[in-house]
N, C-alpha and C. Protein backbone atom coordinates (compact mmCIF):
# COMPACT_ATOMS: atom_id res chain seq x y z
N MET A 1 -37.44 22.04 -19.56
CA MET A 1 -36.66 20.98 -18.74
C MET A 1 -37.57 19.77 -17.84
N ILE A 2 -37.07 18.62 -18.06
CA ILE A 2 -37.84 17.50 -17.58
C ILE A 2 -36.39 16.86 -16.28
N LEU A 3 -36.73 17.03 -15.13
CA LEU A 3 -35.84 16.48 -14.29
C LEU A 3 -35.56 15.35 -14.57
N GLU A 4 -36.36 14.55 -14.61
CA GLU A 4 -35.88 13.23 -14.95
C GLU A 4 -34.94 12.89 -16.12
N ARG A 5 -34.79 13.37 -16.90
CA ARG A 5 -34.11 13.81 -18.42
C ARG A 5 -32.98 14.98 -18.35
N LEU A 6 -32.77 15.12 -17.03
CA LEU A 6 -31.99 16.43 -17.05
C LEU A 6 -30.76 16.48 -17.93
N ASP A 7 -29.84 15.33 -17.77
CA ASP A 7 -28.63 15.30 -18.68
C ASP A 7 -29.39 15.49 -20.21
N GLU A 8 -30.42 14.90 -20.95
CA GLU A 8 -30.83 15.34 -22.02
C GLU A 8 -30.55 16.79 -22.41
N CYS A 9 -31.95 17.30 -21.70
CA CYS A 9 -32.22 18.47 -21.69
C CYS A 9 -31.02 19.61 -21.62
N LEU A 10 -30.38 19.41 -20.66
CA LEU A 10 -29.14 19.83 -20.75
C LEU A 10 -28.25 20.03 -22.22
N VAL A 11 -28.29 18.95 -22.53
CA VAL A 11 -27.37 18.65 -23.77
C VAL A 11 -28.32 19.31 -25.31
N LEU A 12 -29.65 19.14 -24.99
CA LEU A 12 -30.59 19.89 -25.91
C LEU A 12 -30.35 21.23 -25.84
N PHE A 13 -30.46 21.86 -24.73
CA PHE A 13 -30.20 23.17 -24.39
C PHE A 13 -28.77 23.71 -24.68
N ARG A 14 -27.72 22.71 -24.68
CA ARG A 14 -26.67 23.25 -24.68
C ARG A 14 -25.92 23.61 -26.52
N ARG A 15 -26.92 22.60 -27.16
CA ARG A 15 -26.80 23.00 -28.73
C ARG A 15 -27.28 23.63 -29.05
N LEU A 16 -28.68 24.22 -28.65
CA LEU A 16 -29.52 25.57 -29.21
C LEU A 16 -28.66 26.52 -29.10
N MET A 17 -28.10 26.85 -27.55
CA MET A 17 -27.35 28.15 -27.24
C MET A 17 -25.96 28.24 -27.48
N CYS A 18 -25.57 26.96 -28.31
CA CYS A 18 -23.69 27.04 -29.08
C CYS A 18 -23.21 27.11 -27.62
N TRP A 19 -23.39 26.53 -26.52
CA TRP A 19 -22.15 26.27 -25.12
C TRP A 19 -21.41 25.47 -25.22
N ASP A 20 -20.77 25.38 -24.83
CA ASP A 20 -19.55 24.32 -24.27
C ASP A 20 -20.22 23.72 -23.44
N LEU A 21 -19.96 22.19 -23.62
CA LEU A 21 -20.40 21.27 -22.65
C LEU A 21 -19.92 20.94 -21.04
N GLN A 22 -18.65 22.27 -21.35
CA GLN A 22 -18.29 22.21 -19.56
C GLN A 22 -19.30 22.96 -18.97
N HIS A 23 -20.26 23.85 -19.73
CA HIS A 23 -20.52 25.14 -18.80
C HIS A 23 -21.83 24.37 -18.40
N MET A 24 -22.50 22.92 -18.72
CA MET A 24 -23.52 22.82 -18.40
C MET A 24 -23.52 21.55 -16.83
N ILE A 25 -22.56 21.59 -16.44
CA ILE A 25 -21.84 20.69 -15.25
C ILE A 25 -22.70 21.25 -14.07
N TYR A 26 -23.54 20.40 -13.20
CA TYR A 26 -24.21 20.74 -12.25
C TYR A 26 -23.96 19.85 -11.17
N VAL A 27 -24.66 20.32 -10.02
CA VAL A 27 -24.43 19.39 -8.68
C VAL A 27 -25.66 19.70 -8.12
N LYS A 28 -26.17 18.28 -7.74
CA LYS A 28 -27.78 17.85 -7.14
C LYS A 28 -27.62 18.24 -5.79
N LEU A 29 -28.86 19.19 -5.82
CA LEU A 29 -28.90 20.02 -4.54
C LEU A 29 -30.65 19.67 -4.17
N SER A 30 -31.22 19.99 -3.03
CA SER A 30 -32.53 20.06 -2.79
C SER A 30 -33.42 18.49 -3.31
N VAL A 31 -32.44 17.40 -2.86
CA VAL A 31 -32.98 15.87 -3.42
C VAL A 31 -33.51 15.52 -2.14
N ASN A 32 -35.08 14.96 -2.42
CA ASN A 32 -35.80 14.79 -0.96
C ASN A 32 -36.48 13.31 -1.31
N ASN A 33 -35.64 12.25 -1.62
CA ASN A 33 -35.97 10.84 -1.98
C ASN A 33 -36.61 10.34 -0.73
N GLU A 34 -36.63 10.43 0.45
CA GLU A 34 -37.04 9.84 1.94
C GLU A 34 -38.50 10.06 1.75
N TYR A 35 -38.92 11.51 1.43
CA TYR A 35 -39.92 12.28 1.70
C TYR A 35 -41.10 11.57 0.82
N SER A 36 -40.47 11.54 -0.70
CA SER A 36 -41.34 11.10 -1.76
C SER A 36 -41.81 10.01 -1.68
N SER A 37 -40.80 8.83 -0.90
CA SER A 37 -40.93 7.25 -1.38
C SER A 37 -41.88 7.08 0.38
N SER A 38 -42.10 8.08 0.77
CA SER A 38 -43.25 7.74 2.16
C SER A 38 -44.51 8.33 1.79
N ILE A 39 -44.93 8.93 1.01
CA ILE A 39 -46.34 8.95 0.82
C ILE A 39 -46.69 7.82 0.44
N SER A 40 -48.37 7.62 0.93
CA SER A 40 -49.21 6.64 0.84
C SER A 40 -49.99 6.44 -0.58
N PRO A 41 -49.80 5.30 -0.89
CA PRO A 41 -50.92 5.50 -2.51
C PRO A 41 -51.90 6.35 -2.46
N GLU A 42 -52.67 6.40 -1.59
CA GLU A 42 -53.92 7.30 -1.33
C GLU A 42 -53.86 8.72 -1.30
N ILE A 43 -52.27 9.13 -0.47
CA ILE A 43 -52.07 10.71 -1.06
C ILE A 43 -51.94 10.89 -2.19
N ARG A 44 -50.82 9.79 -2.65
CA ARG A 44 -50.59 10.24 -3.95
C ARG A 44 -51.84 10.13 -5.14
N ASP A 45 -52.76 9.31 -4.99
CA ASP A 45 -53.81 9.65 -5.60
C ASP A 45 -54.40 11.03 -5.71
N LYS A 46 -54.66 11.74 -4.62
CA LYS A 46 -55.23 12.66 -4.21
C LYS A 46 -54.33 14.16 -4.91
N ILE A 47 -53.17 13.85 -4.52
CA ILE A 47 -52.05 14.84 -5.28
C ILE A 47 -52.41 14.76 -6.61
N LEU A 48 -52.39 13.72 -7.47
CA LEU A 48 -52.42 13.31 -8.78
C LEU A 48 -53.62 14.01 -9.12
N ASP A 49 -54.99 13.80 -8.31
CA ASP A 49 -55.65 14.12 -8.91
C ASP A 49 -56.29 15.78 -8.61
N TRP A 50 -55.46 16.23 -7.62
CA TRP A 50 -55.88 18.07 -7.65
C TRP A 50 -54.70 18.78 -8.32
N ASN A 51 -53.79 17.90 -8.94
CA ASN A 51 -53.05 18.46 -10.06
C ASN A 51 -53.06 18.05 -11.31
N SER A 52 -54.24 17.28 -11.56
CA SER A 52 -54.55 16.56 -12.81
C SER A 52 -54.33 17.80 -14.00
N VAL A 53 -54.42 18.69 -14.36
CA VAL A 53 -53.84 19.95 -15.25
C VAL A 53 -52.63 19.98 -15.26
N ASP A 54 -51.81 20.16 -14.23
CA ASP A 54 -50.23 19.88 -14.23
C ASP A 54 -49.87 18.83 -14.44
N LYS A 55 -50.63 17.24 -14.40
CA LYS A 55 -49.95 16.12 -15.11
C LYS A 55 -50.25 16.59 -16.40
N LYS A 56 -51.23 16.45 -16.97
CA LYS A 56 -51.59 16.76 -18.43
C LYS A 56 -50.23 17.32 -19.28
N LEU A 57 -50.47 18.62 -18.42
CA LEU A 57 -49.40 19.37 -18.82
C LEU A 57 -47.82 18.85 -19.31
N TYR A 58 -47.50 18.25 -17.95
CA TYR A 58 -46.03 17.37 -17.86
C TYR A 58 -46.09 16.18 -18.91
N ASP A 59 -47.14 15.54 -18.52
CA ASP A 59 -47.07 13.99 -19.63
C ASP A 59 -46.95 14.60 -21.39
N HIS A 60 -47.69 15.73 -21.64
CA HIS A 60 -47.57 16.13 -22.95
C HIS A 60 -46.22 16.44 -23.08
N PHE A 61 -45.44 17.23 -22.23
CA PHE A 61 -44.13 17.66 -22.57
C PHE A 61 -42.98 16.61 -22.65
N TYR A 62 -43.53 15.55 -21.67
CA TYR A 62 -42.36 14.36 -21.50
C TYR A 62 -42.49 13.72 -22.91
N SER A 63 -43.51 13.47 -23.14
CA SER A 63 -43.86 12.70 -24.48
C SER A 63 -42.99 13.32 -25.79
N LYS A 64 -43.43 15.05 -25.59
CA LYS A 64 -42.45 15.50 -26.75
C LYS A 64 -41.36 15.55 -26.45
N LEU A 65 -40.74 15.44 -25.29
CA LEU A 65 -39.13 15.22 -25.19
C LEU A 65 -38.65 14.17 -25.60
N GLU A 66 -39.55 12.81 -25.11
CA GLU A 66 -38.89 11.65 -25.70
C GLU A 66 -39.00 11.60 -27.17
N ARG A 67 -39.57 12.38 -28.00
CA ARG A 67 -39.85 12.14 -29.15
C ARG A 67 -38.51 13.12 -29.93
N ILE A 68 -38.22 14.15 -29.05
CA ILE A 68 -36.95 14.82 -29.77
C ILE A 68 -35.69 14.03 -29.35
N ILE A 69 -35.52 13.43 -28.65
CA ILE A 69 -34.58 12.46 -28.05
C ILE A 69 -34.38 11.42 -28.90
N SER A 70 -35.76 10.97 -29.37
CA SER A 70 -35.42 9.66 -30.06
C SER A 70 -35.02 10.34 -31.75
N GLU A 71 -35.11 11.28 -32.01
CA GLU A 71 -35.01 11.76 -33.25
C GLU A 71 -33.41 12.46 -33.48
N GLN A 72 -32.61 12.27 -31.98
CA GLN A 72 -31.14 12.67 -32.35
C GLN A 72 -30.17 12.12 -32.67
N ASP A 73 -29.33 12.38 -32.97
CA ASP A 73 -27.80 11.40 -33.56
C ASP A 73 -27.52 10.87 -32.74
N GLU A 74 -26.27 9.96 -33.09
CA GLU A 74 -25.50 9.14 -32.04
C GLU A 74 -24.72 10.20 -31.31
N ASP A 75 -24.13 11.45 -31.83
CA ASP A 75 -23.13 12.43 -30.95
C ASP A 75 -24.11 13.03 -29.72
N PHE A 76 -25.27 13.12 -29.97
CA PHE A 76 -26.11 13.45 -28.70
C PHE A 76 -26.04 12.80 -27.93
N HIS A 77 -26.29 11.25 -27.77
CA HIS A 77 -25.98 10.25 -27.25
C HIS A 77 -24.62 10.37 -26.01
N LYS A 78 -23.31 10.57 -26.82
CA LYS A 78 -22.45 10.57 -26.98
C LYS A 78 -21.96 11.59 -26.14
N GLU A 79 -22.99 12.93 -26.01
CA GLU A 79 -22.74 14.12 -25.57
C GLU A 79 -23.40 13.89 -24.06
N VAL A 80 -24.33 13.08 -24.00
CA VAL A 80 -24.93 12.92 -22.76
C VAL A 80 -24.22 12.02 -22.06
N ALA A 81 -23.68 11.12 -22.55
CA ALA A 81 -22.77 10.10 -21.47
C ALA A 81 -21.74 11.03 -21.27
N MET A 82 -21.27 11.95 -21.99
CA MET A 82 -19.75 12.76 -21.70
C MET A 82 -19.91 13.80 -20.70
N LEU A 83 -21.44 13.99 -20.51
CA LEU A 83 -21.82 15.30 -19.39
C LEU A 83 -21.93 14.11 -18.20
N LYS A 84 -22.42 13.06 -18.13
CA LYS A 84 -22.58 12.48 -17.20
C LYS A 84 -21.26 12.09 -16.66
N LYS A 85 -19.89 11.78 -17.30
CA LYS A 85 -18.95 11.71 -16.72
C LYS A 85 -18.46 12.85 -16.38
N MET A 86 -18.40 14.10 -17.03
CA MET A 86 -17.80 15.17 -16.57
C MET A 86 -18.61 15.47 -15.14
N ASN A 87 -19.85 15.26 -14.75
CA ASN A 87 -20.60 15.49 -13.77
C ASN A 87 -20.10 14.74 -12.41
N ALA A 88 -19.63 13.42 -12.57
CA ALA A 88 -18.98 12.42 -11.89
C ALA A 88 -17.89 13.00 -11.60
N ASP A 89 -16.80 13.19 -12.53
CA ASP A 89 -15.48 13.81 -12.64
C ASP A 89 -15.51 14.91 -11.67
N PHE A 90 -16.08 15.83 -11.90
CA PHE A 90 -16.04 17.21 -11.21
C PHE A 90 -16.64 17.45 -9.72
N TRP A 91 -17.68 16.15 -9.74
CA TRP A 91 -18.14 15.75 -7.89
C TRP A 91 -16.91 15.06 -7.45
N ARG A 92 -16.24 13.98 -8.01
CA ARG A 92 -14.71 13.36 -7.13
C ARG A 92 -13.87 14.24 -6.96
N GLU A 93 -13.58 15.87 -7.78
CA GLU A 93 -12.88 16.75 -7.89
C GLU A 93 -12.74 17.44 -6.52
N CYS A 94 -14.16 17.79 -6.80
CA CYS A 94 -14.70 18.70 -5.38
C CYS A 94 -14.92 18.50 -4.43
N TYR A 95 -15.70 17.49 -4.20
CA TYR A 95 -16.36 16.86 -3.11
C TYR A 95 -15.81 15.79 -2.41
N SER A 96 -15.89 15.58 -0.86
CA SER A 96 -15.25 14.56 -0.48
C SER A 96 -16.56 13.63 0.73
N ASN A 97 -17.46 14.32 0.42
CA ASN A 97 -18.34 13.27 1.47
C ASN A 97 -19.92 14.28 1.06
N VAL A 98 -21.23 13.46 1.26
CA VAL A 98 -22.50 14.08 0.83
C VAL A 98 -22.72 14.02 2.28
N LEU A 99 -23.39 15.27 2.62
CA LEU A 99 -24.12 15.51 3.85
C LEU A 99 -26.00 15.22 3.59
N PRO A 100 -26.56 14.88 4.71
CA PRO A 100 -27.98 15.16 4.58
C PRO A 100 -28.30 16.94 5.34
N VAL A 101 -29.01 17.25 5.08
CA VAL A 101 -29.43 18.40 5.60
C VAL A 101 -30.84 18.50 5.68
N TYR A 102 -31.14 19.65 6.78
CA TYR A 102 -32.60 19.32 7.09
C TYR A 102 -33.66 17.99 6.63
N ASP A 103 -33.51 17.17 7.70
CA ASP A 103 -33.57 15.90 7.66
C ASP A 103 -33.71 15.17 6.21
N GLY A 104 -32.86 14.87 5.59
CA GLY A 104 -32.69 14.57 4.30
C GLY A 104 -33.58 15.26 3.15
N ASN A 105 -33.73 16.49 3.44
CA ASN A 105 -34.43 17.80 2.65
C ASN A 105 -33.48 18.17 1.67
N LYS A 106 -32.51 18.02 1.72
CA LYS A 106 -31.63 18.70 0.77
C LYS A 106 -30.35 18.02 1.19
N ILE A 107 -29.31 18.46 0.08
CA ILE A 107 -28.15 17.43 0.03
C ILE A 107 -27.05 18.59 0.39
N GLY A 108 -25.99 18.44 1.36
CA GLY A 108 -24.90 19.03 1.49
C GLY A 108 -23.73 18.88 1.25
N TYR A 109 -22.52 19.05 0.88
CA TYR A 109 -21.26 18.77 0.70
C TYR A 109 -19.79 19.14 1.69
N THR A 110 -19.03 18.13 2.02
CA THR A 110 -17.69 18.58 2.10
C THR A 110 -16.65 18.61 1.13
N LEU A 111 -15.78 19.72 1.03
CA LEU A 111 -14.78 20.28 0.13
C LEU A 111 -13.72 19.07 -0.04
N GLN A 112 -13.20 18.86 -1.09
CA GLN A 112 -11.83 18.20 -1.05
C GLN A 112 -10.78 19.18 -0.30
N ASP A 113 -10.07 18.65 0.73
CA ASP A 113 -8.77 19.83 0.81
C ASP A 113 -8.43 20.68 -0.16
N THR A 114 -7.97 20.06 -1.04
CA THR A 114 -7.29 20.58 -2.23
C THR A 114 -7.98 21.83 -2.55
N HIS A 115 -9.35 21.59 -2.96
CA HIS A 115 -10.18 22.54 -3.12
C HIS A 115 -11.07 23.52 -2.68
N ALA A 116 -10.42 23.77 -1.15
CA ALA A 116 -11.00 24.50 -0.18
C ALA A 116 -11.29 25.80 -0.90
N ASP A 117 -10.85 26.58 -1.33
CA ASP A 117 -10.97 28.03 -2.01
C ASP A 117 -10.99 27.85 -3.43
N ASN A 118 -11.86 26.56 -4.03
CA ASN A 118 -12.14 27.00 -5.39
C ASN A 118 -13.78 27.19 -5.39
N ARG A 119 -13.66 28.43 -5.92
CA ARG A 119 -14.69 29.17 -6.08
C ARG A 119 -16.07 28.29 -7.11
N THR A 120 -15.85 27.87 -8.40
CA THR A 120 -16.93 27.01 -8.98
C THR A 120 -17.42 25.93 -8.35
N CYS A 121 -16.48 25.09 -7.06
CA CYS A 121 -17.09 24.01 -6.65
C CYS A 121 -18.09 24.72 -5.32
N LYS A 122 -17.65 25.87 -4.61
CA LYS A 122 -18.36 26.53 -3.74
C LYS A 122 -19.54 26.68 -4.29
N THR A 123 -19.45 27.43 -5.32
CA THR A 123 -20.59 27.89 -6.15
C THR A 123 -21.98 27.05 -6.36
N LEU A 124 -21.48 25.85 -7.26
CA LEU A 124 -22.05 24.99 -7.46
C LEU A 124 -22.88 23.91 -6.35
N ALA A 125 -22.46 24.24 -5.09
CA ALA A 125 -22.95 23.43 -3.60
C ALA A 125 -23.77 24.33 -2.81
N THR A 126 -23.90 25.63 -3.79
CA THR A 126 -24.51 26.39 -2.80
C THR A 126 -26.33 26.66 -3.05
N ASP A 127 -26.89 26.49 -2.38
CA ASP A 127 -28.28 26.35 -2.73
C ASP A 127 -28.83 27.36 -3.33
N ASP A 128 -30.11 27.45 -4.02
CA ASP A 128 -30.74 28.20 -4.92
C ASP A 128 -31.48 29.76 -4.31
N VAL A 129 -31.79 29.33 -3.15
CA VAL A 129 -32.15 30.36 -2.27
C VAL A 129 -31.12 31.54 -2.24
N THR A 130 -30.14 30.78 -1.69
CA THR A 130 -28.55 31.71 -1.00
C THR A 130 -28.05 32.34 -2.75
N GLN A 131 -28.17 31.53 -3.47
CA GLN A 131 -28.11 32.20 -4.73
C GLN A 131 -28.73 33.29 -5.29
N THR A 132 -30.12 33.24 -5.07
CA THR A 132 -30.77 34.39 -5.10
C THR A 132 -30.55 35.67 -4.35
N HIS A 133 -30.29 35.11 -3.21
CA HIS A 133 -29.60 36.33 -2.13
C HIS A 133 -28.77 36.99 -2.74
N ILE A 134 -27.33 36.29 -3.44
CA ILE A 134 -26.41 36.80 -3.38
C ILE A 134 -26.63 37.45 -4.68
N ILE A 135 -27.29 36.98 -5.79
CA ILE A 135 -27.44 37.72 -7.07
C ILE A 135 -28.13 39.38 -6.43
N GLY A 136 -29.57 39.32 -5.68
CA GLY A 136 -30.11 40.54 -5.37
C GLY A 136 -29.17 41.53 -4.33
N LEU A 137 -28.02 40.79 -3.73
CA LEU A 137 -27.01 41.58 -3.27
C LEU A 137 -26.18 42.49 -4.27
N LYS A 138 -25.57 41.65 -5.21
CA LYS A 138 -24.90 42.20 -6.33
C LYS A 138 -25.61 43.23 -6.86
N GLN A 139 -26.93 43.43 -7.19
CA GLN A 139 -27.74 43.90 -8.11
C GLN A 139 -27.91 45.19 -7.32
N PHE A 140 -28.38 45.61 -5.80
CA PHE A 140 -28.98 46.33 -5.31
C PHE A 140 -28.33 46.67 -4.25
N LYS A 141 -26.79 46.37 -4.10
CA LYS A 141 -25.66 46.35 -3.04
C LYS A 141 -25.74 47.89 -2.36
N ASP A 142 -25.94 49.15 -3.46
CA ASP A 142 -26.10 50.56 -3.10
C ASP A 142 -27.01 50.74 -2.20
N THR A 143 -28.17 49.90 -2.38
CA THR A 143 -29.79 50.66 -1.89
C THR A 143 -30.41 49.77 -0.87
N LEU A 144 -29.63 48.50 -0.72
CA LEU A 144 -30.04 48.17 0.55
C LEU A 144 -29.86 48.27 1.79
N PRO A 145 -30.70 48.28 2.83
CA PRO A 145 -30.39 48.61 3.82
C PRO A 145 -29.68 47.33 4.76
N PRO A 146 -28.63 48.04 5.45
CA PRO A 146 -27.82 46.89 6.44
C PRO A 146 -28.75 45.98 6.69
N SER A 147 -29.69 46.19 7.33
CA SER A 147 -30.86 44.82 7.92
C SER A 147 -31.22 43.51 6.67
N ASP A 148 -30.92 44.03 5.75
CA ASP A 148 -31.15 42.54 4.65
C ASP A 148 -29.95 42.28 4.15
N ILE A 149 -28.73 42.97 4.39
CA ILE A 149 -27.64 42.28 4.40
C ILE A 149 -27.17 41.57 5.32
N LEU A 150 -27.18 41.88 6.61
CA LEU A 150 -27.42 41.09 7.91
C LEU A 150 -28.12 40.17 7.53
N MET A 151 -28.85 39.87 7.18
CA MET A 151 -30.02 38.88 6.87
C MET A 151 -29.47 37.97 6.47
N VAL A 152 -29.14 38.23 5.19
CA VAL A 152 -28.40 37.44 4.17
C VAL A 152 -27.34 36.68 5.01
N ARG A 153 -26.62 37.24 5.27
CA ARG A 153 -25.11 36.88 6.16
C ARG A 153 -25.40 35.91 7.17
N ASN A 154 -26.54 36.24 7.72
CA ASN A 154 -26.97 35.12 8.91
C ASN A 154 -27.41 34.06 8.34
N HIS A 155 -28.59 34.23 7.00
CA HIS A 155 -28.85 32.85 6.32
C HIS A 155 -27.97 32.16 6.06
N MET A 156 -26.83 32.53 5.21
CA MET A 156 -25.60 31.70 4.77
C MET A 156 -24.75 31.23 6.08
N GLN A 157 -24.65 31.62 6.87
CA GLN A 157 -23.78 31.38 8.09
C GLN A 157 -24.72 30.39 8.54
N ASN A 158 -26.07 30.27 8.86
CA ASN A 158 -26.61 29.06 9.55
C ASN A 158 -26.71 28.09 8.48
N LEU A 159 -27.06 28.12 7.02
CA LEU A 159 -26.90 26.92 5.91
C LEU A 159 -25.59 26.36 6.15
N ASN A 160 -24.50 27.06 6.44
CA ASN A 160 -23.15 26.56 6.28
C ASN A 160 -22.97 25.65 7.27
N ARG A 161 -23.63 25.74 8.29
CA ARG A 161 -23.54 24.83 9.63
C ARG A 161 -23.94 23.18 8.86
N PHE A 162 -24.59 23.09 7.86
CA PHE A 162 -25.06 21.96 7.27
C PHE A 162 -24.53 21.54 5.86
N ASN A 163 -24.08 22.40 5.43
CA ASN A 163 -23.28 22.39 3.84
C ASN A 163 -21.93 23.10 4.00
N PRO A 164 -21.37 22.58 4.33
CA PRO A 164 -19.71 23.34 4.66
C PRO A 164 -19.00 23.70 3.08
N ALA A 165 -19.60 22.83 2.19
CA ALA A 165 -18.98 23.37 0.88
C ALA A 165 -19.41 24.52 0.07
N MET A 166 -20.47 25.20 0.49
CA MET A 166 -21.20 26.47 -0.06
C MET A 166 -20.52 27.39 0.03
N LEU A 167 -20.89 28.25 -0.49
CA LEU A 167 -19.93 29.72 -0.60
C LEU A 167 -20.22 30.30 0.84
N LYS A 168 -19.12 30.78 1.43
CA LYS A 168 -18.98 31.62 2.53
C LYS A 168 -19.50 33.41 2.44
N TRP A 169 -19.72 33.74 3.67
CA TRP A 169 -20.19 35.37 3.96
C TRP A 169 -19.09 36.08 2.81
N GLY A 170 -17.62 35.84 3.50
CA GLY A 170 -16.49 36.42 3.06
C GLY A 170 -16.29 36.48 1.54
N ASP A 171 -16.65 35.04 0.92
CA ASP A 171 -16.77 34.88 -0.59
C ASP A 171 -17.52 35.92 -1.37
N VAL A 172 -18.72 36.26 -0.64
CA VAL A 172 -19.51 37.24 -1.17
C VAL A 172 -19.31 38.42 -0.93
N TYR A 173 -18.87 38.68 0.20
CA TYR A 173 -18.62 40.28 0.87
C TYR A 173 -17.13 40.65 -0.46
N LYS A 174 -16.26 39.85 -0.42
CA LYS A 174 -15.71 40.24 -1.50
C LYS A 174 -16.01 40.68 -2.67
N VAL A 175 -16.61 39.94 -3.41
CA VAL A 175 -17.87 40.55 -4.55
C VAL A 175 -18.51 41.73 -4.69
N LEU A 176 -18.93 41.66 -3.57
CA LEU A 176 -19.79 42.79 -3.28
C LEU A 176 -18.93 44.26 -3.41
N ASP A 177 -18.08 44.37 -2.33
CA ASP A 177 -16.89 45.40 -2.27
C ASP A 177 -15.67 44.89 -2.08
N PRO A 178 -15.08 44.35 -3.28
CA PRO A 178 -13.49 43.92 -3.50
C PRO A 178 -12.43 44.59 -2.88
N ASP A 179 -12.68 46.34 -3.00
CA ASP A 179 -11.44 47.17 -2.24
C ASP A 179 -11.68 47.32 -1.45
N ASN A 180 -12.47 47.03 -0.68
CA ASN A 180 -12.75 47.03 0.81
C ASN A 180 -12.93 46.42 1.64
N ALA A 181 -12.88 44.75 1.41
CA ALA A 181 -13.30 43.68 1.82
C ALA A 181 -12.57 43.10 3.18
N PRO A 182 -12.64 43.01 4.02
CA PRO A 182 -12.06 42.82 5.33
C PRO A 182 -11.76 41.60 5.15
N LYS A 183 -10.54 41.01 5.71
CA LYS A 183 -10.44 39.70 6.04
C LYS A 183 -11.33 39.22 7.12
N PRO A 184 -11.97 37.90 6.95
CA PRO A 184 -12.83 37.55 7.95
C PRO A 184 -11.80 36.85 8.96
N PRO A 185 -12.20 36.97 10.29
CA PRO A 185 -11.56 36.40 11.53
C PRO A 185 -11.61 34.84 11.19
N ASN A 186 -10.82 34.06 11.85
CA ASN A 186 -10.70 32.59 11.50
C ASN A 186 -12.02 32.00 12.06
N ASN A 187 -12.70 32.39 12.85
CA ASN A 187 -13.93 31.77 13.29
C ASN A 187 -15.28 32.26 12.47
N GLU A 188 -15.12 33.26 11.69
CA GLU A 188 -16.36 33.45 11.02
C GLU A 188 -16.42 32.26 9.81
N LEU A 189 -17.78 31.90 9.48
CA LEU A 189 -18.33 31.10 8.49
C LEU A 189 -18.00 31.90 7.23
């Protein structure tokens, strides 16, 4: 996957896996344009020098991806355009506002009032670290010490102040123990 050509990569991957295009919808998180634009040319050159092998690998696979994309038929380019439209439509349907998180380091969202309980909207607005914690909780829920579960809950409650559209602890707890999930108090995130 090459981030600069993410839509094209996702359509190629979709075709390889025979998935529906709707399963390729994504929400941008962890965007940091302010920081990268503030790097001086001298620092940028040092970073490129230190990472010269990585840069060669990137250049090689970027060129390969460009070649693969150029060999695609018209339907491929229509699919890419459709994915972009589906992403834009999904964003308008789910979210009402973009919020900077941690000094512009990430993006948070507010949900449309009509989608406050939409699990898909919440899940796609949840950052990767939280998603990893949730997967770990699901996989190891019977063996995790309560302190680990508490740590994940606190992490989610802290981040939710900055990204109100993400999954809430109550959403996760329902999945972990659906039979015994208490209804969270009104003030719980």
